[in-house]
Amino acid sequence: GMVLSVLVILLLSVLYEALKMGKAVLLRRALLALPRSLSQEALTEPQEGDTDPAQGSPSVMGFPILSHRWFRYHVGQTLFHVVQVVLGYMVMLAVMSYNAWIFLGAIAGSTLGYFV
């Protein structure tokens, strides 16, 4: 029973660290999806006559397409964050059982997860 508990906490801690790294990678991709210069003109609605003849719809430097892609990355980051917070609280509650083996399992899992 205790060995399985320590192993589960160790794996949860590894997963927590992996989610932190995954969130950082997703943030980097989201930032790369943004246009190089985000001026106020690109963020506001296009004026009349600012249509792209190739697409036939209003577009400022292709911003609506980039905005949609950025939104998807932002939703992904939000989901990663929620899972990370839940895992963090689960590990915290396990450590608060004041069992030395559970504590060592959480520390070992965090170390292993960061290393990998």
PDB file of N, CA and C in Angstrom:
ATOM      1  N   GLY A   1       0.794  -1.197   0.000  1.00  0.00           N
ATOM      2  CA  GLY A   1       0.000   0.000   0.000  1.00  0.00           C
ATOM      3  C   GLY A   1       0.839   1.264   0.000  1.00  0.00           C
ATOM      4  N   MET A   2       1.833   1.338   0.882  1.00  0.00           N
ATOM      5  CA  MET A   2       2.637   2.548   0.995  1.00  0.00           C
ATOM      6  C   MET A   2       3.520   2.731  -0.233  1.00  0.00           C
ATOM      7  N   VAL A   3       4.063   1.632  -0.747  1.00  0.00           N
ATOM      8  CA  VAL A   3       4.931   1.720  -1.923  1.00  0.00           C
ATOM      9  C   VAL A   3       4.130   2.245  -3.113  1.00  0.00           C
ATOM     10  N   LEU A   4       2.919   1.762  -3.276  1.00  0.00           N
ATOM     11  CA  LEU A   4       2.062   2.232  -4.368  1.00  0.00           C
ATOM     12  C   LEU A   4       1.724   3.705  -4.195  1.00  0.00           C
ATOM     13  N   SER A   5       1.468   4.137  -2.974  1.00  0.00           N
ATOM     14  CA  SER A   5       1.171   5.548  -2.714  1.00  0.00           C
ATOM     15  C   SER A   5       2.353   6.441  -3.068  1.00  0.00           C
ATOM     16  N   VAL A   6       3.543   6.025  -2.672  1.00  0.00           N
ATOM     17  CA  VAL A   6       4.740   6.808  -2.974  1.00  0.00           C
ATOM     18  C   VAL A   6       4.961   6.854  -4.483  1.00  0.00           C
ATOM     19  N   LEU A   7       4.748   5.732  -5.151  1.00  0.00           N
ATOM     20  CA  LEU A   7       4.919   5.683  -6.602  1.00  0.00           C
ATOM     21  C   LEU A   7       3.922   6.598  -7.318  1.00  0.00           C
ATOM     22  N   VAL A   8       2.680   6.611  -6.862  1.00  0.00           N
ATOM     23  CA  VAL A   8       1.658   7.480  -7.462  1.00  0.00           C
ATOM     24  C   VAL A   8       2.029   8.948  -7.263  1.00  0.00           C
ATOM     25  N   ILE A   9       2.462   9.316  -6.081  1.00  0.00           N
ATOM     26  CA  ILE A   9       2.871  10.700  -5.816  1.00  0.00           C
ATOM     27  C   ILE A   9       4.077  11.067  -6.663  1.00  0.00           C
ATOM     28  N   LEU A  10       5.021  10.135  -6.799  1.00  0.00           N
ATOM     29  CA  LEU A  10       6.188  10.374  -7.634  1.00  0.00           C
ATOM     30  C   LEU A  10       5.755  10.650  -9.078  1.00  0.00           C
ATOM     31  N   LEU A  11       4.850   9.840  -9.608  1.00  0.00           N
ATOM     32  CA  LEU A  11       4.379  10.028 -10.988  1.00  0.00           C
ATOM     33  C   LEU A  11       3.578  11.323 -11.142  1.00  0.00           C
ATOM     34  N   LEU A  12       2.782  11.673 -10.141  1.00  0.00           N
ATOM     35  CA  LEU A  12       2.040  12.936 -10.195  1.00  0.00           C
ATOM     36  C   LEU A  12       2.999  14.131 -10.212  1.00  0.00           C
ATOM     37  N   SER A  13       4.069  14.035  -9.446  1.00  0.00           N
ATOM     38  CA  SER A  13       5.050  15.124  -9.424  1.00  0.00           C
ATOM     39  C   SER A  13       5.784  15.236 -10.757  1.00  0.00           C
ATOM     40  N   VAL A  14       6.110  14.099 -11.366  1.00  0.00           N
ATOM     41  CA  VAL A  14       6.743  14.115 -12.686  1.00  0.00           C
ATOM     42  C   VAL A  14       5.794  14.742 -13.702  1.00  0.00           C
ATOM     43  N   LEU A  15       4.530  14.361 -13.644  1.00  0.00           N
ATOM     44  CA  LEU A  15       3.537  14.920 -14.574  1.00  0.00           C
ATOM     45  C   LEU A  15       3.369  16.416 -14.359  1.00  0.00           C
ATOM     46  N   TYR A  16       3.415  16.855 -13.120  1.00  0.00           N
ATOM     47  CA  TYR A  16       3.311  18.285 -12.814  1.00  0.00           C
ATOM     48  C   TYR A  16       4.446  19.063 -13.478  1.00  0.00           C
ATOM     49  N   GLU A  17       5.661  18.549 -13.347  1.00  0.00           N
ATOM     50  CA  GLU A  17       6.810  19.221 -13.968  1.00  0.00           C
ATOM     51  C   GLU A  17       6.719  19.173 -15.493  1.00  0.00           C
ATOM     52  N   ALA A  18       6.242  18.070 -16.042  1.00  0.00           N
ATOM     53  CA  ALA A  18       6.084  17.964 -17.501  1.00  0.00           C
ATOM     54  C   ALA A  18       5.055  18.973 -18.002  1.00  0.00           C
ATOM     55  N   LEU A  19       4.000  19.174 -17.246  1.00  0.00           N
ATOM     56  CA  LEU A  19       2.986  20.158 -17.638  1.00  0.00           C
ATOM     57  C   LEU A  19       3.550  21.568 -17.596  1.00  0.00           C
ATOM     58  N   LYS A  20       4.414  21.843 -16.634  1.00  0.00           N
ATOM     59  CA  LYS A  20       5.045  23.166 -16.593  1.00  0.00           C
ATOM     60  C   LYS A  20       5.855  23.415 -17.853  1.00  0.00           C
ATOM     61  N   MET A  21       6.591  22.423 -18.286  1.00  0.00           N
ATOM     62  CA  MET A  21       7.396  22.574 -19.500  1.00  0.00           C
ATOM     63  C   MET A  21       6.498  22.657 -20.736  1.00  0.00           C
ATOM     64  N   GLY A  22       5.444  21.862 -20.771  1.00  0.00           N
ATOM     65  CA  GLY A  22       4.517  21.907 -21.898  1.00  0.00           C
ATOM     66  C   GLY A  22       3.835  23.257 -22.016  1.00  0.00           C
ATOM     67  N   LYS A  23       3.520  23.843 -20.884  1.00  0.00           N
ATOM     68  CA  LYS A  23       2.899  25.167 -20.879  1.00  0.00           C
ATOM     69  C   LYS A  23       3.863  26.219 -21.409  1.00  0.00           C
ATOM     70  N   ALA A  24       5.127  26.100 -21.073  1.00  0.00           N
ATOM     71  CA  ALA A  24       6.131  27.047 -21.564  1.00  0.00           C
ATOM     72  C   ALA A  24       6.303  26.925 -23.080  1.00  0.00           C
ATOM     73  N   VAL A  25       6.297  25.700 -23.583  1.00  0.00           N
ATOM     74  CA  VAL A  25       6.413  25.484 -25.035  1.00  0.00           C
ATOM     75  C   VAL A  25       5.198  26.060 -25.742  1.00  0.00           C
ATOM     76  N   LEU A  26       4.028  25.844 -25.175  1.00  0.00           N
ATOM     77  CA  LEU A  26       2.807  26.373 -25.778  1.00  0.00           C
ATOM     78  C   LEU A  26       2.803  27.894 -25.767  1.00  0.00           C
ATOM     79  N   LEU A  27       3.319  28.503 -24.707  1.00  0.00           N
ATOM     80  CA  LEU A  27       3.413  29.963 -24.650  1.00  0.00           C
ATOM     81  C   LEU A  27       4.335  30.474 -25.754  1.00  0.00           C
ATOM     82  N   ARG A  28       5.442  29.789 -25.957  1.00  0.00           N
ATOM     83  CA  ARG A  28       6.382  30.199 -27.011  1.00  0.00           C
ATOM     84  C   ARG A  28       5.721  30.125 -28.377  1.00  0.00           C
ATOM     85  N   ARG A  29       4.980  29.058 -28.628  1.00  0.00           N
ATOM     86  CA  ARG A  29       4.282  28.931 -29.918  1.00  0.00           C
ATOM     87  C   ARG A  29       3.212  29.996 -30.078  1.00  0.00           C
ATOM     88  N   ALA A  30       2.527  30.317 -28.987  1.00  0.00           N
ATOM     89  CA  ALA A  30       1.490  31.352 -29.053  1.00  0.00           C
ATOM     90  C   ALA A  30       2.105  32.703 -29.363  1.00  0.00           C
ATOM     91  N   LEU A  31       3.245  32.986 -28.775  1.00  0.00           N
ATOM     92  CA  LEU A  31       3.906  34.261 -29.047  1.00  0.00           C
ATOM     93  C   LEU A  31       4.419  34.321 -30.478  1.00  0.00           C
ATOM     94  N   LEU A  32       4.845  33.194 -31.011  1.00  0.00           N
ATOM     95  CA  LEU A  32       5.291  33.167 -32.407  1.00  0.00           C
ATOM     96  C   LEU A  32       4.118  33.304 -33.374  1.00  0.00           C
ATOM     97  N   ALA A  33       2.910  32.968 -32.916  1.00  0.00           N
ATOM     98  CA  ALA A  33       1.736  33.074 -33.777  1.00  0.00           C
ATOM     99  C   ALA A  33       1.242  34.510 -33.899  1.00  0.00           C
ATOM    100  N   LEU A  34       1.671  35.369 -32.989  1.00  0.00           N
ATOM    101  CA  LEU A  34       1.271  36.772 -33.058  1.00  0.00           C
ATOM    102  C   LEU A  34       2.047  37.480 -34.159  1.00  0.00           C
ATOM    103  N   PRO A  35       1.465  38.503 -34.765  1.00  0.00           N
ATOM    104  CA  PRO A  35       2.218  39.263 -35.759  1.00  0.00           C
ATOM    105  C   PRO A  35       3.390  39.985 -35.102  1.00  0.00           C
ATOM    106  N   ARG A  36       4.379  40.339 -35.915  1.00  0.00           N
ATOM    107  CA  ARG A  36       5.592  40.977 -35.395  1.00  0.00           C
ATOM    108  C   ARG A  36       5.276  42.283 -34.678  1.00  0.00           C
ATOM    109  N   SER A  37       4.423  43.123 -35.269  1.00  0.00           N
ATOM    110  CA  SER A  37       4.093  44.377 -34.599  1.00  0.00           C
ATOM    111  C   SER A  37       2.590  44.431 -34.390  1.00  0.00           C
ATOM    112  N   LEU A  38       2.207  44.524 -33.157  1.00  0.00           N
ATOM    113  CA  LEU A  38       0.789  44.629 -32.821  1.00  0.00           C
ATOM    114  C   LEU A  38       0.468  46.098 -32.561  1.00  0.00           C
ATOM    115  N   SER A  39       0.187  46.819 -33.611  1.00  0.00           N
ATOM    116  CA  SER A  39      -0.172  48.216 -33.438  1.00  0.00           C
ATOM    117  C   SER A  39      -1.669  48.311 -33.157  1.00  0.00           C
ATOM    118  N   GLN A  40      -2.098  49.469 -32.730  1.00  0.00           N
ATOM    119  CA  GLN A  40      -3.523  49.667 -32.455  1.00  0.00           C
ATOM    120  C   GLN A  40      -4.353  49.490 -33.722  1.00  0.00           C
ATOM    121  N   GLU A  41      -3.793  49.830 -34.885  1.00  0.00           N
ATOM    122  CA  GLU A  41      -4.555  49.668 -36.126  1.00  0.00           C
ATOM    123  C   GLU A  41      -4.865  48.201 -36.389  1.00  0.00           C
ATOM    124  N   ALA A  42      -3.941  47.314 -36.048  1.00  0.00           N
ATOM    125  CA  ALA A  42      -4.159  45.891 -36.290  1.00  0.00           C
ATOM    126  C   ALA A  42      -5.174  45.307 -35.313  1.00  0.00           C
ATOM    127  N   LEU A  43      -5.334  45.929 -34.158  1.00  0.00           N
ATOM    128  CA  LEU A  43      -6.252  45.405 -33.162  1.00  0.00           C
ATOM    129  C   LEU A  43      -7.677  45.926 -33.326  1.00  0.00           C
ATOM    130  N   THR A  44      -7.849  47.040 -34.034  1.00  0.00           N
ATOM    131  CA  THR A  44      -9.178  47.600 -34.199  1.00  0.00           C
ATOM    132  C   THR A  44      -9.829  47.046 -35.450  1.00  0.00           C
ATOM    133  N   GLU A  45     -11.111  47.297 -35.570  1.00  0.00           N
ATOM    134  CA  GLU A  45     -11.836  46.871 -36.767  1.00  0.00           C
ATOM    135  C   GLU A  45     -11.299  47.606 -37.984  1.00  0.00           C
ATOM    136  N   PRO A  46     -11.191  46.926 -39.118  1.00  0.00           N
ATOM    137  CA  PRO A  46     -10.704  47.600 -40.319  1.00  0.00           C
ATOM    138  C   PRO A  46     -11.696  48.646 -40.806  1.00  0.00           C
ATOM    139  N   GLN A  47     -11.142  49.709 -41.371  1.00  0.00           N
ATOM    140  CA  GLN A  47     -11.975  50.778 -41.908  1.00  0.00           C
ATOM    141  C   GLN A  47     -12.604  50.326 -43.223  1.00  0.00           C
ATOM    142  N   GLU A  48     -13.635  51.037 -43.648  1.00  0.00           N
ATOM    143  CA  GLU A  48     -14.263  50.702 -44.922  1.00  0.00           C
ATOM    144  C   GLU A  48     -13.253  50.899 -46.028  1.00  0.00           C
ATOM    145  N   GLY A  49     -13.261  49.972 -46.972  1.00  0.00           N
ATOM    146  CA  GLY A  49     -12.329  50.047 -48.080  1.00  0.00           C
ATOM    147  C   GLY A  49     -11.041  49.295 -47.808  1.00  0.00           C
ATOM    148  N   ASP A  50     -10.836  48.812 -46.577  1.00  0.00           N
ATOM    149  CA  ASP A  50      -9.638  48.042 -46.247  1.00  0.00           C
ATOM    150  C   ASP A  50      -9.918  46.554 -46.439  1.00  0.00           C
ATOM    151  N   THR A  51     -10.250  46.154 -47.626  1.00  0.00           N
ATOM    152  CA  THR A  51     -10.500  44.747 -47.888  1.00  0.00           C
ATOM    153  C   THR A  51      -9.344  44.174 -48.673  1.00  0.00           C
ATOM    154  N   ASP A  52      -9.092  42.927 -48.463  1.00  0.00           N
ATOM    155  CA  ASP A  52      -8.041  42.226 -49.171  1.00  0.00           C
ATOM    156  C   ASP A  52      -8.675  41.616 -50.421  1.00  0.00           C
ATOM    157  N   PRO A  53      -8.272  42.038 -51.601  1.00  0.00           N
ATOM    158  CA  PRO A  53      -8.930  41.539 -52.800  1.00  0.00           C
ATOM    159  C   PRO A  53      -8.751  40.039 -52.990  1.00  0.00           C
ATOM    160  N   ALA A  54      -7.683  39.472 -52.472  1.00  0.00           N
ATOM    161  CA  ALA A  54      -7.480  38.033 -52.651  1.00  0.00           C
ATOM    162  C   ALA A  54      -8.485  37.227 -51.838  1.00  0.00           C
ATOM    163  N   GLN A  55      -8.858  37.725 -50.677  1.00  0.00           N
ATOM    164  CA  GLN A  55      -9.778  36.979 -49.825  1.00  0.00           C
ATOM    165  C   GLN A  55     -11.194  37.518 -49.891  1.00  0.00           C
ATOM    166  N   GLY A  56     -11.334  38.746 -50.224  1.00  0.00           N
ATOM    167  CA  GLY A  56     -12.663  39.339 -50.315  1.00  0.00           C
ATOM    168  C   GLY A  56     -13.269  39.677 -48.972  1.00  0.00           C
ATOM    169  N   SER A  57     -12.518  39.581 -47.902  1.00  0.00           N
ATOM    170  CA  SER A  57     -13.036  39.919 -46.582  1.00  0.00           C
ATOM    171  C   SER A  57     -12.085  40.901 -45.923  1.00  0.00           C
ATOM    172  N   PRO A  58     -12.577  41.692 -44.970  1.00  0.00           N
ATOM    173  CA  PRO A  58     -11.702  42.647 -44.302  1.00  0.00           C
ATOM    174  C   PRO A  58     -10.553  41.934 -43.592  1.00  0.00           C
ATOM    175  N   SER A  59      -9.359  42.479 -43.765  1.00  0.00           N
ATOM    176  CA  SER A  59      -8.186  41.881 -43.145  1.00  0.00           C
ATOM    177  C   SER A  59      -7.101  42.928 -43.037  1.00  0.00           C
ATOM    178  N   VAL A  60      -6.476  43.004 -41.879  1.00  0.00           N
ATOM    179  CA  VAL A  60      -5.339  43.891 -41.696  1.00  0.00           C
ATOM    180  C   VAL A  60      -4.125  43.007 -41.480  1.00  0.00           C
ATOM    181  N   MET A  61      -3.279  42.902 -42.449  1.00  0.00           N
ATOM    182  CA  MET A  61      -2.060  42.088 -42.404  1.00  0.00           C
ATOM    183  C   MET A  61      -2.366  40.646 -41.990  1.00  0.00           C
ATOM    184  N   GLY A  62      -3.505  40.101 -42.370  1.00  0.00           N
ATOM    185  CA  GLY A  62      -3.850  38.733 -42.018  1.00  0.00           C
ATOM    186  C   GLY A  62      -4.131  38.538 -40.541  1.00  0.00           C
ATOM    187  N   PHE A  63      -4.440  39.596 -39.820  1.00  0.00           N
ATOM    188  CA  PHE A  63      -4.594  39.514 -38.372  1.00  0.00           C
ATOM    189  C   PHE A  63      -5.717  38.582 -37.916  1.00  0.00           C
ATOM    190  N   PRO A  64      -6.899  38.533 -38.588  1.00  0.00           N
ATOM    191  CA  PRO A  64      -7.945  37.626 -38.088  1.00  0.00           C
ATOM    192  C   PRO A  64      -7.497  36.171 -38.056  1.00  0.00           C
ATOM    193  N   ILE A  65      -6.708  35.748 -39.024  1.00  0.00           N
ATOM    194  CA  ILE A  65      -6.239  34.370 -39.029  1.00  0.00           C
ATOM    195  C   ILE A  65      -5.272  34.157 -37.864  1.00  0.00           C
ATOM    196  N   LEU A  66      -4.357  35.080 -37.664  1.00  0.00           N
ATOM    197  CA  LEU A  66      -3.405  34.963 -36.568  1.00  0.00           C
ATOM    198  C   LEU A  66      -4.102  35.043 -35.224  1.00  0.00           C
ATOM    199  N   SER A  67      -5.141  35.857 -35.139  1.00  0.00           N
ATOM    200  CA  SER A  67      -5.875  35.994 -33.892  1.00  0.00           C
ATOM    201  C   SER A  67      -6.552  34.675 -33.524  1.00  0.00           C
ATOM    202  N   HIS A  68      -7.109  33.995 -34.512  1.00  0.00           N
ATOM    203  CA  HIS A  68      -7.773  32.709 -34.254  1.00  0.00           C
ATOM    204  C   HIS A  68      -6.758  31.670 -33.768  1.00  0.00           C
ATOM    205  N   ARG A  69      -5.598  31.646 -34.405  1.00  0.00           N
ATOM    206  CA  ARG A  69      -4.568  30.692 -34.007  1.00  0.00           C
ATOM    207  C   ARG A  69      -4.088  31.025 -32.592  1.00  0.00           C
ATOM    208  N   TRP A  70      -3.888  32.304 -32.283  1.00  0.00           N
ATOM    209  CA  TRP A  70      -3.457  32.699 -30.951  1.00  0.00           C
ATOM    210  C   TRP A  70      -4.502  32.302 -29.920  1.00  0.00           C
ATOM    211  N   PHE A  71      -5.782  32.461 -30.253  1.00  0.00           N
ATOM    212  CA  PHE A  71      -6.857  32.103 -29.324  1.00  0.00           C
ATOM    213  C   PHE A  71      -6.817  30.609 -29.001  1.00  0.00           C
ATOM    214  N   ARG A  72      -6.577  29.781 -30.013  1.00  0.00           N
ATOM    215  CA  ARG A  72      -6.490  28.334 -29.775  1.00  0.00           C
ATOM    216  C   ARG A  72      -5.335  28.007 -28.843  1.00  0.00           C
ATOM    217  N   TYR A  73      -4.188  28.650 -29.045  1.00  0.00           N
ATOM    218  CA  TYR A  73      -3.059  28.428 -28.151  1.00  0.00           C
ATOM    219  C   TYR A  73      -3.389  28.897 -26.739  1.00  0.00           C
ATOM    220  N   HIS A  74      -4.115  29.993 -26.624  1.00  0.00           N
ATOM    221  CA  HIS A  74      -4.474  30.524 -25.307  1.00  0.00           C
ATOM    222  C   HIS A  74      -5.421  29.573 -24.580  1.00  0.00           C
ATOM    223  N   VAL A  75      -6.366  28.987 -25.295  1.00  0.00           N
ATOM    224  CA  VAL A  75      -7.270  27.999 -24.690  1.00  0.00           C
ATOM    225  C   VAL A  75      -6.458  26.784 -24.232  1.00  0.00           C
ATOM    226  N   GLY A  76      -5.517  26.356 -25.055  1.00  0.00           N
ATOM    227  CA  GLY A  76      -4.658  25.232 -24.670  1.00  0.00           C
ATOM    228  C   GLY A  76      -3.856  25.538 -23.423  1.00  0.00           C
ATOM    229  N   GLN A  77      -3.308  26.749 -23.342  1.00  0.00           N
ATOM    230  CA  GLN A  77      -2.559  27.152 -22.151  1.00  0.00           C
ATOM    231  C   GLN A  77      -3.448  27.165 -20.918  1.00  0.00           C
ATOM    232  N   THR A  78      -4.668  27.620 -21.084  1.00  0.00           N
ATOM    233  CA  THR A  78      -5.600  27.666 -19.958  1.00  0.00           C
ATOM    234  C   THR A  78      -5.892  26.262 -19.441  1.00  0.00           C
ATOM    235  N   LEU A  79      -6.116  25.323 -20.349  1.00  0.00           N
ATOM    236  CA  LEU A  79      -6.372  23.943 -19.936  1.00  0.00           C
ATOM    237  C   LEU A  79      -5.147  23.336 -19.246  1.00  0.00           C
ATOM    238  N   PHE A  80      -3.961  23.599 -19.798  1.00  0.00           N
ATOM    239  CA  PHE A  80      -2.733  23.136 -19.156  1.00  0.00           C
ATOM    240  C   PHE A  80      -2.636  23.708 -17.741  1.00  0.00           C
ATOM    241  N   HIS A  81      -2.978  24.983 -17.589  1.00  0.00           N
ATOM    242  CA  HIS A  81      -2.883  25.632 -16.275  1.00  0.00           C
ATOM    243  C   HIS A  81      -3.832  24.989 -15.272  1.00  0.00           C
ATOM    244  N   VAL A  82      -5.058  24.708 -15.687  1.00  0.00           N
ATOM    245  CA  VAL A  82      -6.037  24.105 -14.779  1.00  0.00           C
ATOM    246  C   VAL A  82      -5.558  22.727 -14.316  1.00  0.00           C
ATOM    247  N   VAL A  83      -5.067  21.927 -15.258  1.00  0.00           N
ATOM    248  CA  VAL A  83      -4.577  20.592 -14.894  1.00  0.00           C
ATOM    249  C   VAL A  83      -3.363  20.708 -13.978  1.00  0.00           C
ATOM    250  N   GLN A  84      -2.494  21.677 -14.260  1.00  0.00           N
ATOM    251  CA  GLN A  84      -1.306  21.878 -13.428  1.00  0.00           C
ATOM    252  C   GLN A  84      -1.694  22.280 -12.004  1.00  0.00           C
ATOM    253  N   VAL A  85      -2.661  23.156 -11.860  1.00  0.00           N
ATOM    254  CA  VAL A  85      -3.094  23.586 -10.524  1.00  0.00           C
ATOM    255  C   VAL A  85      -3.709  22.419  -9.759  1.00  0.00           C
ATOM    256  N   VAL A  86      -4.539  21.627 -10.435  1.00  0.00           N
ATOM    257  CA  VAL A  86      -5.169  20.474  -9.772  1.00  0.00           C
ATOM    258  C   VAL A  86      -4.100  19.484  -9.313  1.00  0.00           C
ATOM    259  N   LEU A  87      -3.142  19.182 -10.192  1.00  0.00           N
ATOM    260  CA  LEU A  87      -2.077  18.255  -9.797  1.00  0.00           C
ATOM    261  C   LEU A  87      -1.247  18.824  -8.643  1.00  0.00           C
ATOM    262  N   GLY A  88      -0.968  20.109  -8.688  1.00  0.00           N
ATOM    263  CA  GLY A  88      -0.199  20.730  -7.616  1.00  0.00           C
ATOM    264  C   GLY A  88      -0.897  20.616  -6.278  1.00  0.00           C
ATOM    265  N   TYR A  89      -2.210  20.859  -6.278  1.00  0.00           N
ATOM    266  CA  TYR A  89      -2.947  20.742  -5.016  1.00  0.00           C
ATOM    267  C   TYR A  89      -3.026  19.295  -4.542  1.00  0.00           C
ATOM    268  N   MET A  90      -3.131  18.349  -5.471  1.00  0.00           N
ATOM    269  CA  MET A  90      -3.161  16.944  -5.070  1.00  0.00           C
ATOM    270  C   MET A  90      -1.844  16.535  -4.411  1.00  0.00           C
ATOM    271  N   VAL A  91      -0.725  16.955  -5.007  1.00  0.00           N
ATOM    272  CA  VAL A  91       0.576  16.640  -4.423  1.00  0.00           C
ATOM    273  C   VAL A  91       0.723  17.342  -3.078  1.00  0.00           C
ATOM    274  N   MET A  92       0.259  18.587  -2.991  1.00  0.00           N
ATOM    275  CA  MET A  92       0.348  19.322  -1.732  1.00  0.00           C
ATOM    276  C   MET A  92      -0.452  18.612  -0.626  1.00  0.00           C
ATOM    277  N   LEU A  93      -1.648  18.165  -0.955  1.00  0.00           N
ATOM    278  CA  LEU A  93      -2.460  17.466   0.049  1.00  0.00           C
ATOM    279  C   LEU A  93      -1.807  16.166   0.486  1.00  0.00           C
ATOM    280  N   ALA A  94      -1.180  15.479  -0.457  1.00  0.00           N
ATOM    281  CA  ALA A  94      -0.489  14.238  -0.093  1.00  0.00           C
ATOM    282  C   ALA A  94       0.688  14.524   0.831  1.00  0.00           C
ATOM    283  N   VAL A  95       1.437  15.580   0.536  1.00  0.00           N
ATOM    284  CA  VAL A  95       2.582  15.942   1.376  1.00  0.00           C
ATOM    285  C   VAL A  95       2.099  16.360   2.761  1.00  0.00           C
ATOM    286  N   MET A  96       0.944  16.979   2.835  1.00  0.00           N
ATOM    287  CA  MET A  96       0.424  17.423   4.131  1.00  0.00           C
ATOM    288  C   MET A  96      -0.080  16.271   4.991  1.00  0.00           C
ATOM    289  N   SER A  97       0.053  15.045   4.506  1.00  0.00           N
ATOM    290  CA  SER A  97      -0.254  13.889   5.358  1.00  0.00           C
ATOM    291  C   SER A  97       0.869  13.679   6.373  1.00  0.00           C
ATOM    292  N   TYR A  98       1.966  14.446   6.212  1.00  0.00           N
ATOM    293  CA  TYR A  98       3.114  14.394   7.126  1.00  0.00           C
ATOM    294  C   TYR A  98       3.753  13.011   7.172  1.00  0.00           C
ATOM    295  N   ASN A  99       3.716  12.346   6.028  1.00  0.00           N
ATOM    296  CA  ASN A  99       4.409  11.067   5.909  1.00  0.00           C
ATOM    297  C   ASN A  99       5.721  11.331   5.188  1.00  0.00           C
ATOM    298  N   ALA A 100       6.809  10.932   5.798  1.00  0.00           N
ATOM    299  CA  ALA A 100       8.133  11.220   5.233  1.00  0.00           C
ATOM    300  C   ALA A 100       8.325  10.554   3.877  1.00  0.00           C
ATOM    301  N   TRP A 101       7.808   9.357   3.692  1.00  0.00           N
ATOM    302  CA  TRP A 101       7.975   8.653   2.420  1.00  0.00           C
ATOM    303  C   TRP A 101       7.206   9.346   1.299  1.00  0.00           C
ATOM    304  N   ILE A 102       6.006   9.819   1.598  1.00  0.00           N
ATOM    305  CA  ILE A 102       5.215  10.564   0.600  1.00  0.00           C
ATOM    306  C   ILE A 102       5.949  11.848   0.232  1.00  0.00           C
ATOM    307  N   PHE A 103       6.489  12.522   1.240  1.00  0.00           N
ATOM    308  CA  PHE A 103       7.247  13.752   1.000  1.00  0.00           C
ATOM    309  C   PHE A 103       8.453  13.474   0.111  1.00  0.00           C
ATOM    310  N   LEU A 104       9.198  12.423   0.408  1.00  0.00           N
ATOM    311  CA  LEU A 104      10.357  12.079  -0.410  1.00  0.00           C
ATOM    312  C   LEU A 104       9.949  11.682  -1.832  1.00  0.00           C
ATOM    313  N   GLY A 105       8.800  11.020  -1.959  1.00  0.00           N
ATOM    314  CA  GLY A 105       8.293  10.677  -3.294  1.00  0.00           C
ATOM    315  C   GLY A 105       7.964  11.923  -4.100  1.00  0.00           C
ATOM    316  N   ALA A 106       7.381  12.923  -3.453  1.00  0.00           N
ATOM    317  CA  ALA A 106       7.055  14.179  -4.146  1.00  0.00           C
ATOM    318  C   ALA A 106       8.326  14.912  -4.553  1.00  0.00           C
ATOM    319  N   ILE A 107       9.314  14.937  -3.682  1.00  0.00           N
ATOM    320  CA  ILE A 107      10.581  15.597  -3.994  1.00  0.00           C
ATOM    321  C   ILE A 107      11.299  14.862  -5.132  1.00  0.00           C
ATOM    322  N   ALA A 108      11.353  13.532  -5.042  1.00  0.00           N
ATOM    323  CA  ALA A 108      12.002  12.741  -6.088  1.00  0.00           C
ATOM    324  C   ALA A 108      11.287  12.900  -7.427  1.00  0.00           C
ATOM    325  N   GLY A 109       9.956  12.945  -7.409  1.00  0.00           N
ATOM    326  CA  GLY A 109       9.191  13.122  -8.640  1.00  0.00           C
ATOM    327  C   GLY A 109       9.424  14.486  -9.262  1.00  0.00           C
ATOM    328  N   SER A 110       9.463  15.510  -8.436  1.00  0.00           N
ATOM    329  CA  SER A 110       9.738  16.861  -8.960  1.00  0.00           C
ATOM    330  C   SER A 110      11.139  16.947  -9.542  1.00  0.00           C
ATOM    331  N   THR A 111      12.085  16.332  -8.861  1.00  0.00           N
ATOM    332  CA  THR A 111      13.470  16.341  -9.361  1.00  0.00           C
ATOM    333  C   THR A 111      13.571  15.584 -10.676  1.00  0.00           C
ATOM    334  N   LEU A 112      12.977  14.405 -10.729  1.00  0.00           N
ATOM    335  CA  LEU A 112      13.011  13.591 -11.942  1.00  0.00           C
ATOM    336  C   LEU A 112      12.279  14.282 -13.087  1.00  0.00           C
ATOM    337  N   GLY A 113      11.118  14.876 -12.794  1.00  0.00           N
ATOM    338  CA  GLY A 113      10.356  15.576 -13.830  1.00  0.00           C
ATOM    339  C   GLY A 113      11.097  16.764 -14.379  1.00  0.00           C
ATOM    340  N   TYR A 114      11.792  17.510 -13.549  1.00  0.00           N
ATOM    341  CA  TYR A 114      12.575  18.645 -14.014  1.00  0.00           C
ATOM    342  C   TYR A 114      13.774  18.190 -14.823  1.00  0.00           C
ATOM    343  N   PHE A 115      14.391  17.095 -14.392  1.00  0.00           N
ATOM    344  CA  PHE A 115      15.555  16.568 -15.094  1.00  0.00           C
ATOM    345  C   PHE A 115      15.192  16.089 -16.491  1.00  0.00           C
ATOM    346  N   VAL A 116      14.076  15.399 -16.599  1.00  0.00           N
ATOM    347  CA  VAL A 116      13.644  14.861 -17.896  1.00  0.00           C
ATOM    348  C   VAL A 116      13.105  15.987 -18.716  1.00  0.00           C
TER     349      VAL A 116
END
